Amino acid sequence: MDLPEHRLPASTQVPALVRQVQGAGGFATVLHKGSLWGAALLLVHRHGPFVGAYEKLPSLSGADNWRLAAEGEQPVSEFVNKQRRFDPDLWVLELDIAAPERFVPGFPAGR
């Protein structure tokens, strides 16, 4: 099993994702700016009435895998606050665009 040689830091990935989503006519904003090499990237996704918080799970293969960690306004808010207390290096990004899997590798399709 080969591990990835290099990963871009969140400080590079997040602004690039914001530009891609905005360039496609969607909305993207950074709700919390973490450290240069933030240990985790949390994605808060909104489209239509659905609100969900997704977190990236570690993978030995190096592939990005995202899972729905919280759903609904209150649970998402509580989850984000808990994660920020646990990891102050965390980046929190909000997206509002159809089919975010087009922009986020490993993001589950259909939500």
C-alpha atoms as a PDB file:
ATOM      1  CA  MET A   1       0.000   0.000   0.000  1.00  0.00           C
ATOM      2  CA  ASP A   2       1.442   3.332  -1.064  1.00  0.00           C
ATOM      3  CA  LEU A   3       0.756   6.417   0.994  1.00  0.00           C
ATOM      4  CA  PRO A   4       0.464   9.766  -0.772  1.00  0.00           C
ATOM      5  CA  GLU A   5       3.795  11.564  -1.031  1.00  0.00           C
ATOM      6  CA  HIS A   6       2.343  15.004  -0.525  1.00  0.00           C
ATOM      7  CA  ARG A   7      -0.959  16.483   0.525  1.00  0.00           C
ATOM      8  CA  LEU A   8      -1.888  20.088  -0.004  1.00  0.00           C
ATOM      9  CA  PRO A   9      -2.534  21.943   3.233  1.00  0.00           C
ATOM     10  CA  ALA A  10      -6.081  23.024   4.080  1.00  0.00           C
ATOM     11  CA  SER A  11      -4.916  26.620   3.654  1.00  0.00           C
ATOM     12  CA  THR A  12      -4.476  25.847  -0.061  1.00  0.00           C
ATOM     13  CA  GLN A  13      -7.376  23.429  -0.563  1.00  0.00           C
ATOM     14  CA  VAL A  14     -10.073  25.598   1.023  1.00  0.00           C
ATOM     15  CA  PRO A  15      -9.537  28.808  -1.015  1.00  0.00           C
ATOM     16  CA  ALA A  16      -9.295  26.724  -4.201  1.00  0.00           C
ATOM     17  CA  LEU A  17     -12.589  24.996  -3.409  1.00  0.00           C
ATOM     18  CA  VAL A  18     -14.247  28.348  -2.642  1.00  0.00           C
ATOM     19  CA  ARG A  19     -13.137  29.711  -6.031  1.00  0.00           C
ATOM     20  CA  GLN A  20     -14.330  26.596  -7.885  1.00  0.00           C
ATOM     21  CA  VAL A  21     -17.777  26.622  -6.276  1.00  0.00           C
ATOM     22  CA  GLN A  22     -18.234  30.369  -6.759  1.00  0.00           C
ATOM     23  CA  GLY A  23     -17.049  30.062 -10.366  1.00  0.00           C
ATOM     24  CA  ALA A  24     -19.802  27.494 -10.950  1.00  0.00           C
ATOM     25  CA  GLY A  25     -22.446  29.870  -9.603  1.00  0.00           C
ATOM     26  CA  GLY A  26     -22.665  28.429  -6.095  1.00  0.00           C
ATOM     27  CA  PHE A  27     -21.993  29.923  -2.690  1.00  0.00           C
ATOM     28  CA  ALA A  28     -18.970  29.044  -0.590  1.00  0.00           C
ATOM     29  CA  THR A  29     -17.510  30.767   2.422  1.00  0.00           C
ATOM     30  CA  VAL A  30     -15.049  30.028   5.196  1.00  0.00           C
ATOM     31  CA  LEU A  31     -16.844  30.085   8.548  1.00  0.00           C
ATOM     32  CA  HIS A  32     -13.696  29.356  10.559  1.00  0.00           C
ATOM     33  CA  LYS A  33     -10.135  29.651   9.355  1.00  0.00           C
ATOM     34  CA  GLY A  34      -7.851  27.016  10.858  1.00  0.00           C
ATOM     35  CA  SER A  35      -4.095  26.747  10.856  1.00  0.00           C
ATOM     36  CA  LEU A  36      -1.910  26.446   7.769  1.00  0.00           C
ATOM     37  CA  TRP A  37      -1.737  22.647   8.113  1.00  0.00           C
ATOM     38  CA  GLY A  38      -5.108  22.131   9.809  1.00  0.00           C
ATOM     39  CA  ALA A  39      -5.386  18.572  11.012  1.00  0.00           C
ATOM     40  CA  ALA A  40      -8.972  18.282   9.793  1.00  0.00           C
ATOM     41  CA  LEU A  41     -11.225  19.920   7.264  1.00  0.00           C
ATOM     42  CA  LEU A  42     -14.900  20.041   8.147  1.00  0.00           C
ATOM     43  CA  LEU A  43     -17.348  20.745   5.369  1.00  0.00           C
ATOM     44  CA  VAL A  44     -20.738  22.209   6.211  1.00  0.00           C
ATOM     45  CA  HIS A  45     -22.981  21.642   3.208  1.00  0.00           C
ATOM     46  CA  ARG A  46     -26.313  23.309   2.528  1.00  0.00           C
ATOM     47  CA  HIS A  47     -28.592  23.021  -0.451  1.00  0.00           C
ATOM     48  CA  GLY A  48     -32.311  23.359  -0.421  1.00  0.00           C
ATOM     49  CA  PRO A  49     -33.794  22.494   2.969  1.00  0.00           C
ATOM     50  CA  PHE A  50     -30.979  20.035   3.813  1.00  0.00           C
ATOM     51  CA  VAL A  51     -28.236  21.094   6.214  1.00  0.00           C
ATOM     52  CA  GLY A  52     -25.466  18.639   7.025  1.00  0.00           C
ATOM     53  CA  ALA A  53     -21.977  18.636   8.460  1.00  0.00           C
ATOM     54  CA  TYR A  54     -19.492  16.308   6.819  1.00  0.00           C
ATOM     55  CA  GLU A  55     -16.114  15.292   8.142  1.00  0.00           C
ATOM     56  CA  LYS A  56     -13.186  13.784   6.316  1.00  0.00           C
ATOM     57  CA  LEU A  57     -12.174  10.373   7.597  1.00  0.00           C
ATOM     58  CA  PRO A  58      -8.553   9.212   7.556  1.00  0.00           C
ATOM     59  CA  SER A  59      -7.686   6.567   5.010  1.00  0.00           C
ATOM     60  CA  LEU A  60      -4.573   4.424   4.711  1.00  0.00           C
ATOM     61  CA  SER A  61      -4.887   4.575   0.936  1.00  0.00           C
ATOM     62  CA  GLY A  62      -4.757   8.368   0.997  1.00  0.00           C
ATOM     63  CA  ALA A  63      -8.159   8.669  -0.673  1.00  0.00           C
ATOM     64  CA  ASP A  64     -10.545  11.268   0.683  1.00  0.00           C
ATOM     65  CA  ASN A  65     -13.619   9.794   2.379  1.00  0.00           C
ATOM     66  CA  TRP A  66     -16.366  12.013   3.758  1.00  0.00           C
ATOM     67  CA  ARG A  67     -19.184  11.012   6.088  1.00  0.00           C
ATOM     68  CA  LEU A  68     -22.299  12.788   7.251  1.00  0.00           C
ATOM     69  CA  ALA A  69     -21.591  13.648  10.890  1.00  0.00           C
ATOM     70  CA  ALA A  70     -24.664  15.754  11.730  1.00  0.00           C
ATOM     71  CA  GLU A  71     -27.903  16.750  10.017  1.00  0.00           C
ATOM     72  CA  GLY A  72     -30.276  19.637  10.787  1.00  0.00           C
ATOM     73  CA  GLU A  73     -29.597  23.202  11.986  1.00  0.00           C
ATOM     74  CA  GLN A  74     -29.191  22.504  15.719  1.00  0.00           C
ATOM     75  CA  PRO A  75     -27.219  19.226  15.450  1.00  0.00           C
ATOM     76  CA  VAL A  76     -24.884  20.779  12.833  1.00  0.00           C
ATOM     77  CA  SER A  77     -24.279  23.831  15.029  1.00  0.00           C
ATOM     78  CA  GLU A  78     -23.564  21.647  18.070  1.00  0.00           C
ATOM     79  CA  PHE A  79     -21.270  19.353  16.074  1.00  0.00           C
ATOM     80  CA  VAL A  80     -19.283  22.268  14.628  1.00  0.00           C
ATOM     81  CA  ASN A  81     -18.889  23.883  18.057  1.00  0.00           C
ATOM     82  CA  LYS A  82     -17.764  20.594  19.618  1.00  0.00           C
ATOM     83  CA  GLN A  83     -15.244  19.942  16.845  1.00  0.00           C
ATOM     84  CA  ARG A  84     -13.831  23.477  17.055  1.00  0.00           C
ATOM     85  CA  ARG A  85     -13.320  23.098  20.829  1.00  0.00           C
ATOM     86  CA  PHE A  86     -11.591  19.767  20.222  1.00  0.00           C
ATOM     87  CA  ASP A  87      -9.504  20.971  17.245  1.00  0.00           C
ATOM     88  CA  PRO A  88      -8.795  24.730  17.041  1.00  0.00           C
ATOM     89  CA  ASP A  89      -6.841  24.102  13.792  1.00  0.00           C
ATOM     90  CA  LEU A  90     -10.054  23.040  12.073  1.00  0.00           C
ATOM     91  CA  TRP A  91     -11.279  24.744   8.912  1.00  0.00           C
ATOM     92  CA  VAL A  92     -15.061  25.095   8.629  1.00  0.00           C
ATOM     93  CA  LEU A  93     -16.408  25.692   5.144  1.00  0.00           C
ATOM     94  CA  GLU A  94     -20.013  26.281   4.096  1.00  0.00           C
ATOM     95  CA  LEU A  95     -21.170  25.338   0.608  1.00  0.00           C
ATOM     96  CA  ASP A  96     -24.478  25.902  -1.139  1.00  0.00           C
ATOM     97  CA  ILE A  97     -24.360  24.203  -4.506  1.00  0.00           C
ATOM     98  CA  ALA A  98     -26.027  21.257  -6.191  1.00  0.00           C
ATOM     99  CA  ALA A  99     -23.904  18.106  -6.506  1.00  0.00           C
ATOM    100  CA  PRO A 100     -20.954  19.141  -4.313  1.00  0.00           C
ATOM    101  CA  GLU A 101     -19.281  15.826  -5.180  1.00  0.00           C
ATOM    102  CA  ARG A 102     -18.222  17.551  -8.437  1.00  0.00           C
ATOM    103  CA  PHE A 103     -15.837  19.691  -6.394  1.00  0.00           C
ATOM    104  CA  VAL A 104     -14.953  17.563  -3.351  1.00  0.00           C
ATOM    105  CA  PRO A 105     -13.149  14.261  -3.983  1.00  0.00           C
ATOM    106  CA  GLY A 106     -14.670  11.414  -1.985  1.00  0.00           C
ATOM    107  CA  PHE A 107     -17.829  13.362  -1.128  1.00  0.00           C
ATOM    108  CA  PRO A 108     -20.909  11.112  -1.071  1.00  0.00           C
ATOM    109  CA  ALA A 109     -23.126  11.658  -4.097  1.00  0.00           C
ATOM    110  CA  GLY A 110     -26.790  12.388  -3.792  1.00  0.00           C
ATOM    111  CA  ARG A 111     -26.903  14.724  -0.792  1.00  0.00           C
END
